[in-house]
N, C-alpha and C. Protein backbone atom coordinates (compact mmCIF):
# COMPACT_ATOMS: atom_id res chain seq x y z
N MET A 1 -130.16 33.82 -39.30
CA MET A 1 -130.74 34.95 -40.05
C MET A 1 -131.30 35.92 -39.07
N ARG A 2 -131.91 35.51 -38.08
CA ARG A 2 -132.47 36.46 -37.09
C ARG A 2 -131.33 37.38 -36.55
N GLN A 3 -130.19 36.84 -36.32
CA GLN A 3 -129.16 37.64 -35.70
C GLN A 3 -128.61 38.60 -36.76
N PHE A 4 -128.57 38.29 -37.98
CA PHE A 4 -128.05 39.15 -39.01
C PHE A 4 -129.11 40.36 -39.19
N LEU A 5 -130.36 39.99 -39.11
CA LEU A 5 -131.45 41.13 -39.34
C LEU A 5 -131.40 41.98 -38.14
N TYR A 6 -131.07 41.48 -36.88
CA TYR A 6 -130.94 42.19 -35.65
C TYR A 6 -129.80 43.17 -35.85
N GLY A 7 -128.70 42.69 -36.29
CA GLY A 7 -127.49 43.51 -36.47
C GLY A 7 -127.77 44.59 -37.52
N LEU A 8 -128.45 44.19 -38.64
CA LEU A 8 -128.78 45.16 -39.73
C LEU A 8 -129.65 46.30 -39.09
N ALA A 9 -130.58 45.91 -38.18
CA ALA A 9 -131.45 46.88 -37.56
C ALA A 9 -130.63 47.97 -36.67
N PHE A 10 -129.55 47.46 -36.10
CA PHE A 10 -128.70 48.37 -35.26
C PHE A 10 -128.00 49.36 -36.35
N VAL A 11 -127.46 48.79 -37.40
CA VAL A 11 -126.75 49.61 -38.38
C VAL A 11 -127.72 50.65 -38.93
N LEU A 12 -128.89 50.25 -39.33
CA LEU A 12 -129.84 51.26 -39.88
C LEU A 12 -130.23 52.26 -38.76
N LEU A 13 -130.39 51.92 -37.56
CA LEU A 13 -130.68 52.90 -36.52
C LEU A 13 -129.48 53.80 -36.17
N VAL A 14 -128.34 53.32 -36.33
CA VAL A 14 -127.07 54.14 -36.09
C VAL A 14 -127.09 55.25 -37.25
N PHE A 15 -127.19 54.80 -38.48
CA PHE A 15 -127.22 55.75 -39.56
C PHE A 15 -128.36 56.69 -39.45
N ALA A 16 -129.51 56.24 -39.11
CA ALA A 16 -130.71 57.11 -38.92
C ALA A 16 -130.43 58.23 -37.82
N GLY A 17 -129.74 57.70 -36.70
CA GLY A 17 -129.45 58.65 -35.61
C GLY A 17 -128.37 59.72 -35.99
N ALA A 18 -127.44 59.19 -36.79
CA ALA A 18 -126.42 60.11 -37.36
C ALA A 18 -126.93 61.21 -38.23
N THR A 19 -127.86 60.86 -39.13
CA THR A 19 -128.46 61.84 -39.98
C THR A 19 -129.35 62.78 -39.14
N ALA A 20 -130.04 62.22 -38.17
CA ALA A 20 -130.93 63.16 -37.27
C ALA A 20 -130.01 64.13 -36.55
N ILE A 21 -128.85 63.66 -36.02
CA ILE A 21 -128.02 64.48 -35.34
C ILE A 21 -127.49 65.62 -36.25
N ALA A 22 -127.04 65.26 -37.45
CA ALA A 22 -126.57 66.16 -38.44
C ALA A 22 -127.60 67.16 -38.78
N GLU A 23 -128.83 66.82 -38.85
CA GLU A 23 -129.88 67.72 -39.16
C GLU A 23 -130.03 68.73 -37.88
N ILE A 24 -130.02 68.20 -36.79
CA ILE A 24 -130.12 69.08 -35.60
C ILE A 24 -128.97 70.13 -35.56
N PHE A 25 -127.72 69.59 -35.75
CA PHE A 25 -126.65 70.55 -35.81
C PHE A 25 -126.69 71.58 -36.80
N HIS A 26 -127.12 71.19 -37.97
CA HIS A 26 -127.33 72.17 -39.11
C HIS A 26 -128.43 73.18 -38.72
N MET A 27 -129.45 72.71 -38.04
CA MET A 27 -130.50 73.57 -37.59
C MET A 27 -130.08 74.64 -36.62
N LEU A 28 -129.33 74.16 -35.59
CA LEU A 28 -128.81 74.96 -34.61
C LEU A 28 -127.78 75.98 -35.17
N ALA A 29 -127.03 75.59 -36.22
CA ALA A 29 -126.00 76.59 -36.73
C ALA A 29 -126.72 77.60 -37.59
N SER A 30 -127.70 77.15 -38.38
CA SER A 30 -128.30 78.08 -39.41
C SER A 30 -129.69 78.67 -38.95
N GLY A 31 -130.31 77.96 -37.99
CA GLY A 31 -131.56 78.54 -37.51
C GLY A 31 -132.66 78.05 -38.43
N VAL A 32 -132.41 77.30 -39.48
CA VAL A 32 -133.45 76.76 -40.41
C VAL A 32 -133.44 75.34 -40.43
N TYR A 33 -134.55 74.68 -40.43
CA TYR A 33 -134.63 73.15 -40.49
C TYR A 33 -134.56 72.81 -41.94
N ARG A 34 -133.70 72.04 -42.35
CA ARG A 34 -133.48 71.55 -43.74
C ARG A 34 -133.13 70.02 -43.65
N PRO A 35 -134.21 69.25 -43.90
CA PRO A 35 -134.02 67.74 -43.80
C PRO A 35 -133.07 67.28 -44.91
N VAL A 36 -132.34 66.28 -44.57
CA VAL A 36 -131.36 65.66 -45.49
C VAL A 36 -132.12 64.40 -45.99
N SER A 37 -132.35 64.36 -47.27
CA SER A 37 -133.07 63.27 -48.03
C SER A 37 -132.09 62.15 -48.31
N LEU A 38 -132.59 60.95 -48.44
CA LEU A 38 -131.85 59.88 -48.84
C LEU A 38 -131.36 60.09 -50.30
N GLY A 39 -132.17 60.64 -51.16
CA GLY A 39 -131.84 60.87 -52.58
C GLY A 39 -130.71 61.88 -52.65
N SER A 40 -130.70 62.86 -51.81
CA SER A 40 -129.61 63.92 -51.90
C SER A 40 -128.23 63.31 -51.39
N ILE A 41 -128.26 62.41 -50.39
CA ILE A 41 -127.12 61.61 -50.07
C ILE A 41 -126.58 60.82 -51.11
N TRP A 42 -127.50 59.98 -51.69
CA TRP A 42 -127.14 59.13 -52.79
C TRP A 42 -126.57 59.94 -53.98
N TYR A 43 -127.24 61.01 -54.30
CA TYR A 43 -126.69 61.85 -55.42
C TYR A 43 -125.29 62.37 -55.13
N SER A 44 -125.07 62.81 -53.87
CA SER A 44 -123.81 63.38 -53.58
C SER A 44 -122.65 62.25 -53.63
N LEU A 45 -123.06 60.98 -53.25
CA LEU A 45 -122.02 59.91 -53.27
C LEU A 45 -121.83 59.51 -54.67
N HIS A 46 -122.87 59.29 -55.53
CA HIS A 46 -122.71 58.77 -56.88
C HIS A 46 -123.97 58.98 -57.62
N GLY A 47 -124.06 60.26 -58.18
CA GLY A 47 -125.20 60.73 -58.94
C GLY A 47 -125.59 59.78 -60.17
N ASN A 48 -124.57 59.38 -60.87
CA ASN A 48 -124.87 58.48 -62.02
C ASN A 48 -125.61 57.23 -61.65
N SER A 49 -125.33 56.58 -60.60
CA SER A 49 -125.91 55.41 -60.12
C SER A 49 -127.42 55.68 -59.75
N LEU A 50 -127.75 56.88 -59.31
CA LEU A 50 -129.20 57.21 -58.93
C LEU A 50 -129.92 57.34 -60.28
N VAL A 51 -129.32 58.01 -61.30
CA VAL A 51 -129.94 58.06 -62.56
C VAL A 51 -130.13 56.76 -63.28
N GLY A 52 -129.09 55.92 -63.06
CA GLY A 52 -129.27 54.51 -63.60
C GLY A 52 -130.32 53.79 -62.93
N PHE A 53 -130.44 53.93 -61.59
CA PHE A 53 -131.45 53.22 -60.81
C PHE A 53 -132.87 53.62 -61.30
N GLN A 54 -133.02 54.93 -61.54
CA GLN A 54 -134.32 55.38 -62.14
C GLN A 54 -134.65 54.74 -63.44
N ALA A 55 -133.63 54.70 -64.31
CA ALA A 55 -133.77 54.03 -65.66
C ALA A 55 -134.24 52.56 -65.50
N LEU A 56 -133.46 51.91 -64.66
CA LEU A 56 -133.72 50.53 -64.33
C LEU A 56 -135.11 50.18 -63.75
N ILE A 57 -135.67 51.04 -62.88
CA ILE A 57 -136.95 50.91 -62.42
C ILE A 57 -137.99 51.13 -63.54
N GLU A 58 -137.79 52.22 -64.24
CA GLU A 58 -138.71 52.64 -65.20
C GLU A 58 -138.72 51.57 -66.46
N LYS A 59 -137.63 51.14 -66.80
CA LYS A 59 -137.56 50.12 -67.92
C LYS A 59 -137.98 48.80 -67.52
N ASN A 60 -137.42 48.14 -66.47
CA ASN A 60 -137.59 46.85 -66.16
C ASN A 60 -138.84 46.49 -65.28
N ILE A 61 -139.33 47.47 -64.57
CA ILE A 61 -140.46 47.27 -63.76
C ILE A 61 -141.70 48.01 -64.35
N SER A 62 -141.68 49.28 -64.05
CA SER A 62 -142.78 50.15 -64.69
C SER A 62 -142.48 51.60 -64.36
N PRO A 63 -142.77 52.50 -65.30
CA PRO A 63 -142.64 53.88 -64.90
C PRO A 63 -143.48 54.36 -63.74
N LEU A 64 -144.61 53.56 -63.47
CA LEU A 64 -145.45 54.01 -62.34
C LEU A 64 -144.77 53.78 -61.02
N VAL A 65 -143.90 52.82 -60.98
CA VAL A 65 -143.23 52.49 -59.67
C VAL A 65 -142.28 53.54 -59.25
N TRP A 66 -141.79 54.31 -60.28
CA TRP A 66 -140.73 55.37 -59.93
C TRP A 66 -141.26 56.40 -58.90
N SER A 67 -142.48 56.74 -59.11
CA SER A 67 -143.11 57.84 -58.17
C SER A 67 -142.99 57.45 -56.66
N PRO A 68 -143.48 56.26 -56.21
CA PRO A 68 -143.41 55.87 -54.93
C PRO A 68 -141.88 55.87 -54.48
N VAL A 69 -141.02 55.36 -55.38
CA VAL A 69 -139.57 55.24 -55.00
C VAL A 69 -139.02 56.65 -54.84
N GLN A 70 -139.48 57.59 -55.74
CA GLN A 70 -138.96 59.00 -55.68
C GLN A 70 -139.58 59.62 -54.36
N LEU A 71 -140.72 59.32 -53.94
CA LEU A 71 -141.13 59.79 -52.62
C LEU A 71 -140.37 59.44 -51.49
N ILE A 72 -139.99 58.14 -51.52
CA ILE A 72 -139.14 57.60 -50.38
C ILE A 72 -137.79 58.22 -50.49
N LEU A 73 -137.17 58.57 -51.57
CA LEU A 73 -135.89 59.18 -51.76
C LEU A 73 -135.94 60.64 -51.31
N THR A 74 -137.21 61.23 -51.29
CA THR A 74 -137.15 62.70 -50.93
C THR A 74 -137.53 62.90 -49.46
N MET A 75 -137.87 61.78 -48.82
CA MET A 75 -138.17 61.86 -47.34
C MET A 75 -136.83 62.03 -46.49
N PRO A 76 -136.91 62.59 -45.34
CA PRO A 76 -135.72 62.65 -44.50
C PRO A 76 -135.13 61.27 -44.25
N THR A 77 -133.77 61.21 -44.29
CA THR A 77 -133.04 59.97 -44.14
C THR A 77 -133.35 59.32 -42.86
N TRP A 78 -133.52 60.01 -41.82
CA TRP A 78 -133.65 59.42 -40.52
C TRP A 78 -134.96 58.64 -40.43
N ILE A 79 -135.96 59.14 -41.20
CA ILE A 79 -137.25 58.39 -41.17
C ILE A 79 -137.01 57.12 -42.01
N VAL A 80 -136.48 57.30 -43.29
CA VAL A 80 -136.30 56.17 -44.19
C VAL A 80 -135.50 55.07 -43.59
N LEU A 81 -134.52 55.35 -42.91
CA LEU A 81 -133.66 54.36 -42.26
C LEU A 81 -134.16 53.94 -40.88
N GLY A 82 -134.79 54.87 -40.13
CA GLY A 82 -135.17 54.62 -38.76
C GLY A 82 -136.38 53.61 -38.70
N VAL A 83 -137.35 53.86 -39.55
CA VAL A 83 -138.63 53.05 -39.52
C VAL A 83 -138.33 51.58 -39.79
N PRO A 84 -137.62 51.24 -40.86
CA PRO A 84 -137.39 49.79 -41.11
C PRO A 84 -136.38 49.26 -39.92
N GLY A 85 -135.42 50.06 -39.47
CA GLY A 85 -134.49 49.73 -38.40
C GLY A 85 -135.30 49.36 -37.17
N LEU A 86 -136.21 50.24 -36.78
CA LEU A 86 -137.07 49.97 -35.64
C LEU A 86 -137.93 48.67 -35.79
N ILE A 87 -138.52 48.52 -36.98
CA ILE A 87 -139.27 47.37 -37.18
C ILE A 87 -138.49 46.03 -37.09
N LEU A 88 -137.30 46.07 -37.75
CA LEU A 88 -136.49 44.87 -37.63
C LEU A 88 -135.95 44.67 -36.24
N LEU A 89 -135.67 45.73 -35.47
CA LEU A 89 -135.16 45.60 -34.09
C LEU A 89 -136.33 44.89 -33.22
N LEU A 90 -137.46 45.34 -33.44
CA LEU A 90 -138.59 44.76 -32.60
C LEU A 90 -139.02 43.37 -33.05
N THR A 91 -138.81 43.06 -34.30
CA THR A 91 -139.34 41.70 -34.83
C THR A 91 -138.15 40.65 -34.69
N CYS A 92 -136.92 41.01 -34.72
CA CYS A 92 -135.84 40.13 -34.74
C CYS A 92 -135.00 40.13 -33.41
N ARG A 93 -135.51 40.77 -32.40
CA ARG A 93 -134.79 40.70 -31.04
C ARG A 93 -134.80 39.31 -30.51
N PRO A 94 -133.70 39.06 -29.80
CA PRO A 94 -133.66 37.68 -29.25
C PRO A 94 -134.73 37.34 -28.22
N ARG A 95 -135.11 36.11 -28.31
CA ARG A 95 -136.24 35.64 -27.54
C ARG A 95 -135.71 35.35 -26.10
N HIS A 96 -136.41 35.70 -25.06
CA HIS A 96 -136.11 35.47 -23.68
C HIS A 96 -137.16 34.25 -23.31
N ARG A 97 -136.62 33.22 -22.66
CA ARG A 97 -137.36 32.07 -22.34
C ARG A 97 -138.17 32.21 -21.07
N GLY A 98 -137.89 33.15 -20.27
CA GLY A 98 -138.66 33.31 -19.03
C GLY A 98 -137.81 33.35 -17.85
N LEU A 99 -138.30 33.52 -16.72
CA LEU A 99 -137.56 33.55 -15.43
C LEU A 99 -137.00 32.12 -15.14
N GLY A 100 -135.82 32.10 -14.78
CA GLY A 100 -135.26 30.94 -14.32
C GLY A 100 -134.81 29.85 -15.40
N SER A 101 -134.89 30.25 -16.66
CA SER A 101 -134.67 29.29 -17.81
C SER A 101 -133.14 28.94 -17.85
N GLY A 102 -132.32 29.74 -17.23
CA GLY A 102 -130.93 29.45 -17.32
C GLY A 102 -130.39 28.79 -16.14
N LEU A 103 -131.22 28.28 -15.38
CA LEU A 103 -130.85 27.72 -14.06
C LEU A 103 -130.79 26.17 -14.21
N GLY A 104 -130.10 25.56 -14.95
CA GLY A 104 -130.02 24.12 -15.11
C GLY A 104 -131.01 23.28 -14.71
C-alpha cells in the first residue's frame, strides 16, 4: 500500500507541475496571470458529471458540504494536486534503515 501511495504522490505532483507550467506559459504569452482551476478542467472534460457530482453531494451528504468542495474546485489545480501529492510523498517514502544496513 505504501508503494501505491508513493506512486500516486508522483502522479499528483506530475499533474500539478504540468498545470503550473501551463499557467506560466499562458502568463508569459498573455502577460496576465489566470489560474487554471480544477473545476474548470473537470467542466471542460465532462461538464455533466460535475453537475451530477454537485447533486450527489447536496442530496446524499448535505448542501452545506458543497461550499467547501466548491472552494477546492475553484482553487488553482497545481495547489489542489500538489499539496496532497507532497504530503503523500513525504509520508509514504521508502524507509532507509541506516548506514551499512545492506552490508550482509
